[in-house]
Amino acid sequence: MTGNGGVESPTHGHRIHPHDTPHFHSTVSERKLRRFNYLIFVLRLAAFCFSLSAVVFMIATKSDTTRWYDFAAFRFVVAANGIVTLYSLFEMVASAWEITRGSTIFPEFLQVWFDFGHDQVFAYLLLSADSAGTEMARQLRRVATCNAFCVQSDIAVGLGFAGFLFLMMSSLLSGFRVVCFIIKGSRYHV
């Protein structure tokens, strides 16, 4: 044993420090980690698809006299879903990077908090935008005869809520990673 906490190798006289040794993962642990990463990727892919669909449906929503951009709530729905679409695309790339390379794009400490913080903020943004869009759609049903404009705006808001649900599930998993990082010093629980 050396004075600084390391252990001398009996054959070569080299010092081996505890933080220099790699972590051992069994094949079962590796499979669990791989499945966890694939689950995160699938949830982010679903959030991307639903948010992108919400943007497309809302932009395609029009009638003879009204368009989606005539209403602030619908502009908010388009903006929030567009932001989440871009964020989900970035996070899918980050997840694919982690699956293929076994490491994060940013340092692990930063990546864990980046994912969790942005998942939280963007989930609340989507929930807020889709709630405003729902209320606007309800008001339009009371005032005007509901036509294709109302139906398409309802579909767009519904797709936005589905994107929120998948982003919320991603947020739960990224929160789990934060807790693991705080407790064990690693984003993985094994």
C-alpha atoms as a PDB file:
ATOM      1  CA  MET A   1       0.000   0.000   0.000  1.00  0.00           C
ATOM      2  CA  THR A   2       1.392   3.411  -0.860  1.00  0.00           C
ATOM      3  CA  GLY A   3       1.009   6.593   1.130  1.00  0.00           C
ATOM      4  CA  ASN A   4      -1.514   8.128  -1.263  1.00  0.00           C
ATOM      5  CA  GLY A   5      -4.034   5.260  -1.180  1.00  0.00           C
ATOM      6  CA  GLY A   6      -2.764   3.352  -4.202  1.00  0.00           C
ATOM      7  CA  VAL A   7      -1.603  -0.257  -4.267  1.00  0.00           C
ATOM      8  CA  GLU A   8       1.760  -1.324  -5.683  1.00  0.00           C
ATOM      9  CA  SER A   9       1.615  -4.034  -8.265  1.00  0.00           C
ATOM     10  CA  PRO A  10       3.566  -7.058  -7.008  1.00  0.00           C
ATOM     11  CA  THR A  11       5.059  -7.875 -10.417  1.00  0.00           C
ATOM     12  CA  HIS A  12       6.054  -4.501 -11.841  1.00  0.00           C
ATOM     13  CA  GLY A  13       6.240  -2.150  -8.875  1.00  0.00           C
ATOM     14  CA  HIS A  14       3.748   0.235 -10.566  1.00  0.00           C
ATOM     15  CA  ARG A  15       1.145   2.017  -8.510  1.00  0.00           C
ATOM     16  CA  ILE A  16      -2.491   1.219  -9.208  1.00  0.00           C
ATOM     17  CA  HIS A  17      -4.916   3.863  -7.981  1.00  0.00           C
ATOM     18  CA  PRO A  18      -8.512   2.913  -7.181  1.00  0.00           C
ATOM     19  CA  HIS A  19      -9.896   5.579  -9.556  1.00  0.00           C
ATOM     20  CA  ASP A  20      -7.759   4.240 -12.441  1.00  0.00           C
ATOM     21  CA  THR A  21      -9.380   0.818 -12.484  1.00  0.00           C
ATOM     22  CA  PRO A  22     -12.316   0.422 -14.880  1.00  0.00           C
ATOM     23  CA  HIS A  23     -15.762  -0.381 -13.516  1.00  0.00           C
ATOM     24  CA  PHE A  24     -16.768  -3.982 -13.967  1.00  0.00           C
ATOM     25  CA  HIS A  25     -20.152  -4.642 -15.597  1.00  0.00           C
ATOM     26  CA  SER A  26     -21.521  -8.115 -16.070  1.00  0.00           C
ATOM     27  CA  THR A  27     -23.172  -9.031 -19.361  1.00  0.00           C
ATOM     28  CA  VAL A  28     -26.557  -8.847 -17.632  1.00  0.00           C
ATOM     29  CA  SER A  29     -25.760  -5.303 -16.476  1.00  0.00           C
ATOM     30  CA  GLU A  30     -24.599  -4.360 -19.955  1.00  0.00           C
ATOM     31  CA  ARG A  31     -27.870  -5.642 -21.427  1.00  0.00           C
ATOM     32  CA  LYS A  32     -29.878  -3.666 -18.869  1.00  0.00           C
ATOM     33  CA  LEU A  33     -27.958  -0.503 -19.683  1.00  0.00           C
ATOM     34  CA  ARG A  34     -28.412  -1.071 -23.402  1.00  0.00           C
ATOM     35  CA  ARG A  35     -32.168  -1.613 -22.960  1.00  0.00           C
ATOM     36  CA  PHE A  36     -32.391   1.509 -20.787  1.00  0.00           C
ATOM     37  CA  ASN A  37     -30.609   3.559 -23.468  1.00  0.00           C
ATOM     38  CA  TYR A  38     -32.833   2.124 -26.200  1.00  0.00           C
ATOM     39  CA  LEU A  39     -35.920   2.965 -24.138  1.00  0.00           C
ATOM     40  CA  ILE A  40     -34.759   6.560 -23.779  1.00  0.00           C
ATOM     41  CA  PHE A  41     -34.097   6.710 -27.532  1.00  0.00           C
ATOM     42  CA  VAL A  42     -37.568   5.351 -28.361  1.00  0.00           C
ATOM     43  CA  LEU A  43     -39.262   7.826 -25.999  1.00  0.00           C
ATOM     44  CA  ARG A  44     -37.336  10.712 -27.553  1.00  0.00           C
ATOM     45  CA  LEU A  45     -38.185   9.449 -31.042  1.00  0.00           C
ATOM     46  CA  ALA A  46     -41.880   9.336 -30.117  1.00  0.00           C
ATOM     47  CA  ALA A  47     -41.746  12.858 -28.650  1.00  0.00           C
ATOM     48  CA  PHE A  48     -40.049  14.045 -31.860  1.00  0.00           C
ATOM     49  CA  CYS A  49     -42.651  12.400 -34.113  1.00  0.00           C
ATOM     50  CA  PHE A  50     -45.676  13.672 -32.198  1.00  0.00           C
ATOM     51  CA  SER A  51     -44.323  17.206 -31.828  1.00  0.00           C
ATOM     52  CA  LEU A  52     -43.388  17.378 -35.502  1.00  0.00           C
ATOM     53  CA  SER A  53     -46.837  16.059 -36.442  1.00  0.00           C
ATOM     54  CA  ALA A  54     -48.470  18.687 -34.226  1.00  0.00           C
ATOM     55  CA  VAL A  55     -46.522  21.436 -36.004  1.00  0.00           C
ATOM     56  CA  VAL A  56     -47.421  20.073 -39.448  1.00  0.00           C
ATOM     57  CA  PHE A  57     -51.111  19.687 -38.602  1.00  0.00           C
ATOM     58  CA  MET A  58     -51.355  23.160 -37.082  1.00  0.00           C
ATOM     59  CA  ILE A  59     -49.568  24.824 -40.010  1.00  0.00           C
ATOM     60  CA  ALA A  60     -51.833  22.963 -42.438  1.00  0.00           C
ATOM     61  CA  THR A  61     -54.894  24.187 -40.517  1.00  0.00           C
ATOM     62  CA  LYS A  62     -56.760  26.838 -42.475  1.00  0.00           C
ATOM     63  CA  SER A  63     -60.189  27.803 -43.627  1.00  0.00           C
ATOM     64  CA  ASP A  64     -61.501  30.415 -46.026  1.00  0.00           C
ATOM     65  CA  THR A  65     -61.413  33.228 -43.486  1.00  0.00           C
ATOM     66  CA  THR A  66     -59.164  32.122 -40.619  1.00  0.00           C
ATOM     67  CA  ARG A  67     -55.673  30.731 -40.308  1.00  0.00           C
ATOM     68  CA  TRP A  68     -53.802  29.308 -37.354  1.00  0.00           C
ATOM     69  CA  TYR A  69     -51.550  32.360 -37.000  1.00  0.00           C
ATOM     70  CA  ASP A  70     -54.598  34.571 -36.391  1.00  0.00           C
ATOM     71  CA  PHE A  71     -54.739  33.158 -32.849  1.00  0.00           C
ATOM     72  CA  ALA A  72     -51.987  33.672 -30.265  1.00  0.00           C
ATOM     73  CA  ALA A  73     -52.694  30.323 -28.590  1.00  0.00           C
ATOM     74  CA  PHE A  74     -52.177  28.435 -31.851  1.00  0.00           C
ATOM     75  CA  ARG A  75     -48.966  30.357 -32.547  1.00  0.00           C
ATOM     76  CA  PHE A  76     -47.822  29.271 -29.085  1.00  0.00           C
ATOM     77  CA  VAL A  77     -48.690  25.634 -29.922  1.00  0.00           C
ATOM     78  CA  VAL A  78     -46.636  25.812 -33.136  1.00  0.00           C
ATOM     79  CA  ALA A  79     -43.679  27.505 -31.440  1.00  0.00           C
ATOM     80  CA  ALA A  80     -43.603  25.142 -28.442  1.00  0.00           C
ATOM     81  CA  ASN A  81     -43.937  22.014 -30.556  1.00  0.00           C
ATOM     82  CA  GLY A  82     -41.288  23.313 -32.967  1.00  0.00           C
ATOM     83  CA  ILE A  83     -38.867  23.905 -30.110  1.00  0.00           C
ATOM     84  CA  VAL A  84     -39.545  20.444 -28.671  1.00  0.00           C
ATOM     85  CA  THR A  85     -39.098  18.911 -32.134  1.00  0.00           C
ATOM     86  CA  LEU A  86     -35.620  20.436 -32.423  1.00  0.00           C
ATOM     87  CA  TYR A  87     -34.721  19.519 -28.853  1.00  0.00           C
ATOM     88  CA  SER A  88     -35.926  15.931 -29.345  1.00  0.00           C
ATOM     89  CA  LEU A  89     -33.881  15.676 -32.525  1.00  0.00           C
ATOM     90  CA  PHE A  90     -30.766  16.782 -30.631  1.00  0.00           C
ATOM     91  CA  GLU A  91     -31.502  14.345 -27.806  1.00  0.00           C
ATOM     92  CA  MET A  92     -32.041  11.482 -30.278  1.00  0.00           C
ATOM     93  CA  VAL A  93     -28.601  12.202 -31.722  1.00  0.00           C
ATOM     94  CA  ALA A  94     -27.171  12.300 -28.188  1.00  0.00           C
ATOM     95  CA  SER A  95     -28.889   8.995 -27.347  1.00  0.00           C
ATOM     96  CA  ALA A  96     -27.632   7.365 -30.543  1.00  0.00           C
ATOM     97  CA  TRP A  97     -24.146   8.657 -29.736  1.00  0.00           C
ATOM     98  CA  GLU A  98     -24.364   7.136 -26.265  1.00  0.00           C
ATOM     99  CA  ILE A  99     -25.647   3.802 -27.594  1.00  0.00           C
ATOM    100  CA  THR A 100     -22.959   3.498 -30.265  1.00  0.00           C
ATOM    101  CA  ARG A 101     -19.991   4.997 -28.437  1.00  0.00           C
ATOM    102  CA  GLY A 102     -20.794   4.205 -24.815  1.00  0.00           C
ATOM    103  CA  SER A 103     -20.158   7.790 -23.708  1.00  0.00           C
ATOM    104  CA  THR A 104     -22.051  11.060 -23.601  1.00  0.00           C
ATOM    105  CA  ILE A 105     -21.552  14.056 -25.879  1.00  0.00           C
ATOM    106  CA  PHE A 106     -20.942  16.384 -22.937  1.00  0.00           C
ATOM    107  CA  PRO A 107     -19.101  15.415 -19.744  1.00  0.00           C
ATOM    108  CA  GLU A 108     -21.318  13.083 -17.727  1.00  0.00           C
ATOM    109  CA  PHE A 109     -22.094  15.620 -14.975  1.00  0.00           C
ATOM    110  CA  LEU A 110     -23.186  18.218 -17.522  1.00  0.00           C
ATOM    111  CA  GLN A 111     -25.096  15.729 -19.699  1.00  0.00           C
ATOM    112  CA  VAL A 112     -27.168  14.397 -16.794  1.00  0.00           C
ATOM    113  CA  TRP A 113     -28.250  17.837 -15.633  1.00  0.00           C
ATOM    114  CA  PHE A 114     -28.672  19.146 -19.205  1.00  0.00           C
ATOM    115  CA  ASP A 115     -31.060  16.317 -20.072  1.00  0.00           C
ATOM    116  CA  PHE A 116     -33.074  16.560 -16.876  1.00  0.00           C
ATOM    117  CA  GLY A 117     -33.333  20.352 -16.847  1.00  0.00           C
ATOM    118  CA  HIS A 118     -34.301  20.675 -20.486  1.00  0.00           C
ATOM    119  CA  ASP A 119     -36.752  17.761 -20.300  1.00  0.00           C
ATOM    120  CA  GLN A 120     -38.493  19.514 -17.410  1.00  0.00           C
ATOM    121  CA  VAL A 121     -38.590  22.955 -19.033  1.00  0.00           C
ATOM    122  CA  PHE A 122     -39.769  21.715 -22.417  1.00  0.00           C
ATOM    123  CA  ALA A 123     -42.371  19.369 -20.914  1.00  0.00           C
ATOM    124  CA  TYR A 124     -43.899  22.278 -19.014  1.00  0.00           C
ATOM    125  CA  LEU A 125     -43.686  24.448 -22.135  1.00  0.00           C
ATOM    126  CA  LEU A 126     -45.592  21.842 -24.164  1.00  0.00           C
ATOM    127  CA  LEU A 127     -48.188  21.348 -21.450  1.00  0.00           C
ATOM    128  CA  SER A 128     -48.747  25.090 -21.236  1.00  0.00           C
ATOM    129  CA  ALA A 129     -48.984  25.574 -25.007  1.00  0.00           C
ATOM    130  CA  ASP A 130     -51.323  22.643 -25.520  1.00  0.00           C
ATOM    131  CA  SER A 131     -53.537  23.770 -22.647  1.00  0.00           C
ATOM    132  CA  ALA A 132     -53.804  27.217 -24.241  1.00  0.00           C
ATOM    133  CA  GLY A 133     -54.537  25.577 -27.603  1.00  0.00           C
ATOM    134  CA  THR A 134     -57.253  23.427 -26.039  1.00  0.00           C
ATOM    135  CA  GLU A 135     -58.983  26.454 -24.548  1.00  0.00           C
ATOM    136  CA  MET A 136     -58.789  28.337 -27.853  1.00  0.00           C
ATOM    137  CA  ALA A 137     -60.297  25.359 -29.691  1.00  0.00           C
ATOM    138  CA  ARG A 138     -63.129  25.218 -27.127  1.00  0.00           C
ATOM    139  CA  GLN A 139     -63.837  28.919 -27.591  1.00  0.00           C
ATOM    140  CA  LEU A 140     -63.894  28.538 -31.365  1.00  0.00           C
ATOM    141  CA  ARG A 141     -66.447  25.738 -31.087  1.00  0.00           C
ATOM    142  CA  ARG A 142     -68.777  28.009 -29.102  1.00  0.00           C
ATOM    143  CA  VAL A 143     -68.501  30.979 -31.442  1.00  0.00           C
ATOM    144  CA  ALA A 144     -68.335  29.496 -34.908  1.00  0.00           C
ATOM    145  CA  THR A 145     -69.658  26.514 -36.731  1.00  0.00           C
ATOM    146  CA  CYS A 146     -67.020  23.858 -36.411  1.00  0.00           C
ATOM    147  CA  ASN A 147     -65.473  22.935 -39.720  1.00  0.00           C
ATOM    148  CA  ALA A 148     -62.225  21.325 -40.829  1.00  0.00           C
ATOM    149  CA  PHE A 149     -60.311  24.156 -39.116  1.00  0.00           C
ATOM    150  CA  CYS A 150     -61.636  23.109 -35.706  1.00  0.00           C
ATOM    151  CA  VAL A 151     -61.013  19.426 -36.333  1.00  0.00           C
ATOM    152  CA  GLN A 152     -57.440  19.982 -37.541  1.00  0.00           C
ATOM    153  CA  SER A 153     -56.635  22.286 -34.642  1.00  0.00           C
ATOM    154  CA  ASP A 154     -58.012  19.649 -32.232  1.00  0.00           C
ATOM    155  CA  ILE A 155     -55.814  17.012 -33.869  1.00  0.00           C
ATOM    156  CA  ALA A 156     -52.751  19.263 -33.655  1.00  0.00           C
ATOM    157  CA  VAL A 157     -53.340  19.973 -29.977  1.00  0.00           C
ATOM    158  CA  GLY A 158     -53.930  16.269 -29.291  1.00  0.00           C
ATOM    159  CA  LEU A 159     -50.665  15.365 -31.028  1.00  0.00           C
ATOM    160  CA  GLY A 160     -48.925  18.010 -28.911  1.00  0.00           C
ATOM    161  CA  PHE A 161     -50.311  16.405 -25.748  1.00  0.00           C
ATOM    162  CA  ALA A 162     -49.033  13.010 -26.928  1.00  0.00           C
ATOM    163  CA  GLY A 163     -45.591  14.599 -27.457  1.00  0.00           C
ATOM    164  CA  PHE A 164     -45.823  15.966 -23.918  1.00  0.00           C
ATOM    165  CA  LEU A 165     -46.555  12.491 -22.515  1.00  0.00           C
ATOM    166  CA  PHE A 166     -43.484  10.989 -24.172  1.00  0.00           C
ATOM    167  CA  LEU A 167     -41.318  13.925 -23.114  1.00  0.00           C
ATOM    168  CA  MET A 168     -42.645  13.525 -19.570  1.00  0.00           C
ATOM    169  CA  MET A 169     -41.644   9.841 -19.582  1.00  0.00           C
ATOM    170  CA  SER A 170     -38.180  10.831 -20.859  1.00  0.00           C
ATOM    171  CA  SER A 171     -38.027  13.354 -18.048  1.00  0.00           C
ATOM    172  CA  LEU A 172     -38.753  10.638 -15.495  1.00  0.00           C
ATOM    173  CA  LEU A 173     -35.892   8.527 -16.858  1.00  0.00           C
ATOM    174  CA  SER A 174     -33.510  11.482 -16.942  1.00  0.00           C
ATOM    175  CA  GLY A 175     -34.558  12.260 -13.357  1.00  0.00           C
ATOM    176  CA  PHE A 176     -33.698   8.669 -12.474  1.00  0.00           C
ATOM    177  CA  ARG A 177     -30.272   9.232 -14.034  1.00  0.00           C
ATOM    178  CA  VAL A 178     -29.778  12.386 -11.946  1.00  0.00           C
ATOM    179  CA  VAL A 179     -30.606  10.493  -8.757  1.00  0.00           C
ATOM    180  CA  CYS A 180     -28.208   7.696  -9.738  1.00  0.00           C
ATOM    181  CA  PHE A 181     -25.528  10.270 -10.472  1.00  0.00           C
ATOM    182  CA  ILE A 182     -26.030  11.947  -7.101  1.00  0.00           C
ATOM    183  CA  ILE A 183     -25.996   8.642  -5.187  1.00  0.00           C
ATOM    184  CA  LYS A 184     -23.387   6.628  -7.106  1.00  0.00           C
ATOM    185  CA  GLY A 185     -21.426   9.195  -9.116  1.00  0.00           C
ATOM    186  CA  SER A 186     -22.577   7.603 -12.377  1.00  0.00           C
ATOM    187  CA  ARG A 187     -25.704   8.005 -14.493  1.00  0.00           C
ATOM    188  CA  TYR A 188     -26.277   4.247 -14.303  1.00  0.00           C
ATOM    189  CA  HIS A 189     -27.789   2.397 -11.394  1.00  0.00           C
ATOM    190  CA  VAL A 190     -25.631  -0.739 -11.790  1.00  0.00           C
END
